[in-house]
Amino acid sequence: MAQAVDASKNRSSDPRNQEVVFPEWRNPQRGNLETPINASGLTKWYINNLPAYRPGITTFRRGIEIGMAHGYWIFGPFAKLGPLRDTADANFAGLLATLGLIVILTGTLSLYANSNPNQPVATVTVPNPPDSFKSSEGWNNFASAFLIGGLGGAVVAYFIASNLGLILGVFGK
């Protein structure tokens, strides 16, 4: 039994673990770890170029971009995997379901905005969180733009899915 306890002590102080995993910013009080995944240059570049963290864009543009992406990709599962998938009204049912979910998501964003959210915390991956997420007004502006972008993205996806034959005919496929 004493050997098992000694082995677990040795495993936690294994020098191989200390070569690649460090406390965030070398401060053990932070409660986060820098790993080869979250501290790599590629990961930092990717996350910091997402609309939520991209520097130099307005809160409204952040919300529009994120909303459009969500409206566009949420449409597919509702239209193609929903209960009406084998009917002529599948795309329209997918559109209505997507619009409903976008409205619900906007409501949850507004609720969060009005709950006095905590200030964003700088991390290894996102060292400078945007100012737009530091106030309730910024979150409300983001939610409004998310609604507009989400509805627009869903409508674009609906028109593309409904007119796919025409679009392919125009491009000669």
C-alpha atoms as a PDB file:
ATOM      1  CA  MET A   1       0.000   0.000   0.000  1.00  0.00           C
ATOM      2  CA  ALA A   2       2.836   2.376   0.785  1.00  0.00           C
ATOM      3  CA  GLN A   3       4.284   1.768  -2.678  1.00  0.00           C
ATOM      4  CA  ALA A   4       1.017   2.808  -4.362  1.00  0.00           C
ATOM      5  CA  VAL A   5       0.985   6.094  -2.443  1.00  0.00           C
ATOM      6  CA  ASP A   6       4.622   6.738  -3.310  1.00  0.00           C
ATOM      7  CA  ALA A   7       3.929   6.007  -7.003  1.00  0.00           C
ATOM      8  CA  SER A   8       1.115   8.574  -7.135  1.00  0.00           C
ATOM      9  CA  LYS A   9       3.380  11.189  -5.557  1.00  0.00           C
ATOM     10  CA  ASN A  10       6.028  10.503  -8.167  1.00  0.00           C
ATOM     11  CA  ARG A  11       3.498  10.668 -11.011  1.00  0.00           C
ATOM     12  CA  SER A  12       2.317  14.171 -10.072  1.00  0.00           C
ATOM     13  CA  SER A  13       5.885  15.436  -9.883  1.00  0.00           C
ATOM     14  CA  ASP A  14       6.918  13.660 -13.059  1.00  0.00           C
ATOM     15  CA  PRO A  15       9.412  15.912 -14.848  1.00  0.00           C
ATOM     16  CA  ARG A  16       7.794  15.099 -18.211  1.00  0.00           C
ATOM     17  CA  ASN A  17       4.564  16.808 -17.111  1.00  0.00           C
ATOM     18  CA  GLN A  18       6.496  19.890 -16.100  1.00  0.00           C
ATOM     19  CA  GLU A  19       8.026  20.184 -19.571  1.00  0.00           C
ATOM     20  CA  VAL A  20       4.758  20.897 -21.399  1.00  0.00           C
ATOM     21  CA  VAL A  21       2.131  21.943 -18.830  1.00  0.00           C
ATOM     22  CA  PHE A  22       2.633  25.096 -16.768  1.00  0.00           C
ATOM     23  CA  PRO A  23       0.465  27.292 -14.587  1.00  0.00           C
ATOM     24  CA  GLU A  24      -1.069  30.129 -16.572  1.00  0.00           C
ATOM     25  CA  TRP A  25       1.455  32.970 -16.891  1.00  0.00           C
ATOM     26  CA  ARG A  26       3.619  30.905 -14.497  1.00  0.00           C
ATOM     27  CA  ASN A  27       1.339  31.893 -11.618  1.00  0.00           C
ATOM     28  CA  PRO A  28      -0.025  28.830  -9.768  1.00  0.00           C
ATOM     29  CA  GLN A  29      -2.728  30.997  -8.130  1.00  0.00           C
ATOM     30  CA  ARG A  30      -4.503  31.548 -11.481  1.00  0.00           C
ATOM     31  CA  GLY A  31      -6.165  28.124 -11.442  1.00  0.00           C
ATOM     32  CA  ASN A  32      -5.597  27.501 -15.144  1.00  0.00           C
ATOM     33  CA  LEU A  33      -2.949  25.632 -17.075  1.00  0.00           C
ATOM     34  CA  GLU A  34      -1.005  26.435 -20.215  1.00  0.00           C
ATOM     35  CA  THR A  35      -0.970  23.309 -22.338  1.00  0.00           C
ATOM     36  CA  PRO A  36       0.440  22.656 -25.799  1.00  0.00           C
ATOM     37  CA  ILE A  37      -3.127  23.032 -27.127  1.00  0.00           C
ATOM     38  CA  ASN A  38      -4.394  26.227 -25.500  1.00  0.00           C
ATOM     39  CA  ALA A  39      -1.052  28.050 -25.514  1.00  0.00           C
ATOM     40  CA  SER A  40       0.019  27.240 -29.067  1.00  0.00           C
ATOM     41  CA  GLY A  41       0.372  30.040 -31.561  1.00  0.00           C
ATOM     42  CA  LEU A  42      -2.119  28.426 -33.954  1.00  0.00           C
ATOM     43  CA  THR A  43      -4.822  28.140 -31.292  1.00  0.00           C
ATOM     44  CA  LYS A  44      -4.290  31.717 -30.128  1.00  0.00           C
ATOM     45  CA  TRP A  45      -4.396  32.987 -33.706  1.00  0.00           C
ATOM     46  CA  TYR A  46      -7.598  31.048 -34.489  1.00  0.00           C
ATOM     47  CA  ILE A  47      -9.518  32.079 -31.377  1.00  0.00           C
ATOM     48  CA  ASN A  48      -8.423  35.707 -31.553  1.00  0.00           C
ATOM     49  CA  ASN A  49      -9.656  35.893 -35.166  1.00  0.00           C
ATOM     50  CA  LEU A  50     -13.153  34.670 -34.324  1.00  0.00           C
ATOM     51  CA  PRO A  51     -15.731  37.491 -34.432  1.00  0.00           C
ATOM     52  CA  ALA A  52     -16.210  37.440 -30.657  1.00  0.00           C
ATOM     53  CA  TYR A  53     -12.569  38.316 -29.979  1.00  0.00           C
ATOM     54  CA  ARG A  54     -11.335  39.961 -33.183  1.00  0.00           C
ATOM     55  CA  PRO A  55      -9.873  43.356 -32.316  1.00  0.00           C
ATOM     56  CA  GLY A  56     -11.053  46.497 -34.024  1.00  0.00           C
ATOM     57  CA  ILE A  57     -14.665  45.625 -34.860  1.00  0.00           C
ATOM     58  CA  THR A  58     -17.812  47.028 -33.330  1.00  0.00           C
ATOM     59  CA  THR A  59     -20.206  45.205 -31.050  1.00  0.00           C
ATOM     60  CA  PHE A  60     -22.878  45.361 -33.741  1.00  0.00           C
ATOM     61  CA  ARG A  61     -20.618  43.725 -36.320  1.00  0.00           C
ATOM     62  CA  ARG A  62     -19.657  40.989 -33.838  1.00  0.00           C
ATOM     63  CA  GLY A  63     -23.339  40.213 -33.285  1.00  0.00           C
ATOM     64  CA  ILE A  64     -24.183  40.301 -37.002  1.00  0.00           C
ATOM     65  CA  GLU A  65     -21.356  37.903 -37.925  1.00  0.00           C
ATOM     66  CA  ILE A  66     -22.073  35.441 -35.128  1.00  0.00           C
ATOM     67  CA  GLY A  67     -25.834  35.626 -35.713  1.00  0.00           C
ATOM     68  CA  MET A  68     -25.502  35.056 -39.465  1.00  0.00           C
ATOM     69  CA  ALA A  69     -23.301  32.024 -38.922  1.00  0.00           C
ATOM     70  CA  HIS A  70     -25.733  30.548 -36.404  1.00  0.00           C
ATOM     71  CA  GLY A  71     -28.821  31.255 -38.497  1.00  0.00           C
ATOM     72  CA  TYR A  72     -27.166  29.691 -41.525  1.00  0.00           C
ATOM     73  CA  TRP A  73     -25.919  26.480 -39.927  1.00  0.00           C
ATOM     74  CA  ILE A  74     -28.911  25.859 -37.636  1.00  0.00           C
ATOM     75  CA  PHE A  75     -31.239  25.767 -40.649  1.00  0.00           C
ATOM     76  CA  GLY A  76     -29.734  22.569 -42.114  1.00  0.00           C
ATOM     77  CA  PRO A  77     -30.451  20.145 -39.263  1.00  0.00           C
ATOM     78  CA  PHE A  78     -34.005  21.437 -38.860  1.00  0.00           C
ATOM     79  CA  ALA A  79     -34.785  21.207 -42.584  1.00  0.00           C
ATOM     80  CA  LYS A  80     -32.958  18.003 -43.474  1.00  0.00           C
ATOM     81  CA  LEU A  81     -33.304  16.004 -40.246  1.00  0.00           C
ATOM     82  CA  GLY A  82     -36.603  17.309 -38.857  1.00  0.00           C
ATOM     83  CA  PRO A  83     -39.912  15.447 -38.798  1.00  0.00           C
ATOM     84  CA  LEU A  84     -41.018  16.995 -42.118  1.00  0.00           C
ATOM     85  CA  ARG A  85     -37.776  16.134 -43.962  1.00  0.00           C
ATOM     86  CA  ASP A  86     -39.509  14.028 -46.624  1.00  0.00           C
ATOM     87  CA  THR A  87     -42.187  16.562 -47.480  1.00  0.00           C
ATOM     88  CA  ALA A  88     -42.352  19.514 -49.840  1.00  0.00           C
ATOM     89  CA  ASP A  89     -42.550  21.847 -46.842  1.00  0.00           C
ATOM     90  CA  ALA A  90     -39.317  20.641 -45.203  1.00  0.00           C
ATOM     91  CA  ASN A  91     -37.350  23.787 -45.990  1.00  0.00           C
ATOM     92  CA  PHE A  92     -40.130  26.093 -44.802  1.00  0.00           C
ATOM     93  CA  ALA A  93     -40.526  24.093 -41.580  1.00  0.00           C
ATOM     94  CA  GLY A  94     -36.746  24.286 -41.095  1.00  0.00           C
ATOM     95  CA  LEU A  95     -36.879  28.049 -41.615  1.00  0.00           C
ATOM     96  CA  LEU A  96     -39.638  28.502 -39.029  1.00  0.00           C
ATOM     97  CA  ALA A  97     -37.856  26.290 -36.502  1.00  0.00           C
ATOM     98  CA  THR A  98     -34.591  28.164 -37.060  1.00  0.00           C
ATOM     99  CA  LEU A  99     -36.272  31.547 -36.652  1.00  0.00           C
ATOM    100  CA  GLY A 100     -37.870  30.336 -33.425  1.00  0.00           C
ATOM    101  CA  LEU A 101     -34.558  29.125 -32.030  1.00  0.00           C
ATOM    102  CA  ILE A 102     -32.798  32.371 -32.998  1.00  0.00           C
ATOM    103  CA  VAL A 103     -35.470  34.348 -31.120  1.00  0.00           C
ATOM    104  CA  ILE A 104     -35.029  32.094 -28.070  1.00  0.00           C
ATOM    105  CA  LEU A 105     -31.240  32.478 -28.218  1.00  0.00           C
ATOM    106  CA  THR A 106     -31.601  36.253 -28.478  1.00  0.00           C
ATOM    107  CA  GLY A 107     -33.864  36.193 -25.425  1.00  0.00           C
ATOM    108  CA  THR A 108     -31.250  34.278 -23.451  1.00  0.00           C
ATOM    109  CA  LEU A 109     -28.557  36.749 -24.533  1.00  0.00           C
ATOM    110  CA  SER A 110     -30.762  39.616 -23.347  1.00  0.00           C
ATOM    111  CA  LEU A 111     -31.392  37.881 -20.026  1.00  0.00           C
ATOM    112  CA  TYR A 112     -27.660  37.403 -19.590  1.00  0.00           C
ATOM    113  CA  ALA A 113     -27.018  41.045 -20.478  1.00  0.00           C
ATOM    114  CA  ASN A 114     -29.439  42.198 -17.785  1.00  0.00           C
ATOM    115  CA  SER A 115     -27.997  39.910 -15.104  1.00  0.00           C
ATOM    116  CA  ASN A 116     -24.954  42.162 -14.551  1.00  0.00           C
ATOM    117  CA  PRO A 117     -22.421  39.735 -16.052  1.00  0.00           C
ATOM    118  CA  ASN A 118     -18.909  39.492 -14.691  1.00  0.00           C
ATOM    119  CA  GLN A 119     -16.129  41.320 -16.448  1.00  0.00           C
ATOM    120  CA  PRO A 120     -14.364  39.177 -19.067  1.00  0.00           C
ATOM    121  CA  VAL A 121     -11.169  37.609 -17.797  1.00  0.00           C
ATOM    122  CA  ALA A 122      -7.930  37.667 -19.746  1.00  0.00           C
ATOM    123  CA  THR A 123      -6.607  34.169 -20.394  1.00  0.00           C
ATOM    124  CA  VAL A 124      -3.645  32.623 -22.137  1.00  0.00           C
ATOM    125  CA  THR A 125      -5.673  32.217 -25.315  1.00  0.00           C
ATOM    126  CA  VAL A 126      -7.466  35.592 -25.181  1.00  0.00           C
ATOM    127  CA  PRO A 127      -5.130  38.079 -23.477  1.00  0.00           C
ATOM    128  CA  ASN A 128      -7.263  41.150 -24.350  1.00  0.00           C
ATOM    129  CA  PRO A 129     -11.017  40.488 -24.196  1.00  0.00           C
ATOM    130  CA  PRO A 130     -13.050  43.099 -26.113  1.00  0.00           C
ATOM    131  CA  ASP A 131     -14.583  46.043 -24.292  1.00  0.00           C
ATOM    132  CA  SER A 132     -17.994  45.284 -25.792  1.00  0.00           C
ATOM    133  CA  PHE A 133     -18.490  42.446 -23.289  1.00  0.00           C
ATOM    134  CA  LYS A 134     -17.755  44.595 -20.243  1.00  0.00           C
ATOM    135  CA  SER A 135     -21.202  46.178 -19.851  1.00  0.00           C
ATOM    136  CA  SER A 136     -24.869  45.293 -20.030  1.00  0.00           C
ATOM    137  CA  GLU A 137     -25.293  47.808 -22.845  1.00  0.00           C
ATOM    138  CA  GLY A 138     -22.599  46.057 -24.888  1.00  0.00           C
ATOM    139  CA  TRP A 139     -24.283  42.688 -24.371  1.00  0.00           C
ATOM    140  CA  ASN A 140     -27.698  44.120 -25.330  1.00  0.00           C
ATOM    141  CA  ASN A 141     -26.229  45.621 -28.508  1.00  0.00           C
ATOM    142  CA  PHE A 142     -24.638  42.271 -29.264  1.00  0.00           C
ATOM    143  CA  ALA A 143     -27.986  40.484 -28.718  1.00  0.00           C
ATOM    144  CA  SER A 144     -29.827  42.902 -31.037  1.00  0.00           C
ATOM    145  CA  ALA A 145     -27.267  42.405 -33.783  1.00  0.00           C
ATOM    146  CA  PHE A 146     -27.328  38.643 -33.194  1.00  0.00           C
ATOM    147  CA  LEU A 147     -31.088  38.647 -33.820  1.00  0.00           C
ATOM    148  CA  ILE A 148     -30.757  40.565 -37.086  1.00  0.00           C
ATOM    149  CA  GLY A 149     -27.857  38.425 -38.283  1.00  0.00           C
ATOM    150  CA  GLY A 150     -29.505  35.170 -37.220  1.00  0.00           C
ATOM    151  CA  LEU A 151     -32.761  35.933 -39.011  1.00  0.00           C
ATOM    152  CA  GLY A 152     -30.845  37.006 -42.110  1.00  0.00           C
ATOM    153  CA  GLY A 153     -28.629  33.909 -42.085  1.00  0.00           C
ATOM    154  CA  ALA A 154     -31.651  31.618 -41.763  1.00  0.00           C
ATOM    155  CA  VAL A 155     -33.467  33.322 -44.647  1.00  0.00           C
ATOM    156  CA  VAL A 156     -30.374  33.092 -46.879  1.00  0.00           C
ATOM    157  CA  ALA A 157     -30.012  29.381 -46.073  1.00  0.00           C
ATOM    158  CA  TYR A 158     -33.707  28.858 -46.826  1.00  0.00           C
ATOM    159  CA  PHE A 159     -33.480  30.564 -50.227  1.00  0.00           C
ATOM    160  CA  ILE A 160     -30.352  28.618 -51.151  1.00  0.00           C
ATOM    161  CA  ALA A 161     -31.871  25.279 -50.113  1.00  0.00           C
ATOM    162  CA  SER A 162     -35.197  26.023 -51.810  1.00  0.00           C
ATOM    163  CA  ASN A 163     -33.615  27.167 -55.075  1.00  0.00           C
ATOM    164  CA  LEU A 164     -30.685  24.773 -55.265  1.00  0.00           C
ATOM    165  CA  GLY A 165     -31.813  23.355 -58.619  1.00  0.00           C
ATOM    166  CA  LEU A 166     -31.992  26.833 -60.130  1.00  0.00           C
ATOM    167  CA  ILE A 167     -28.605  27.816 -58.691  1.00  0.00           C
ATOM    168  CA  LEU A 168     -26.971  24.679 -60.059  1.00  0.00           C
ATOM    169  CA  GLY A 169     -28.638  25.307 -63.445  1.00  0.00           C
ATOM    170  CA  VAL A 170     -27.161  28.794 -63.611  1.00  0.00           C
ATOM    171  CA  PHE A 171     -23.677  27.468 -63.014  1.00  0.00           C
ATOM    172  CA  GLY A 172     -24.114  24.632 -65.504  1.00  0.00           C
ATOM    173  CA  LYS A 173     -23.892  21.664 -63.172  1.00  0.00           C
END
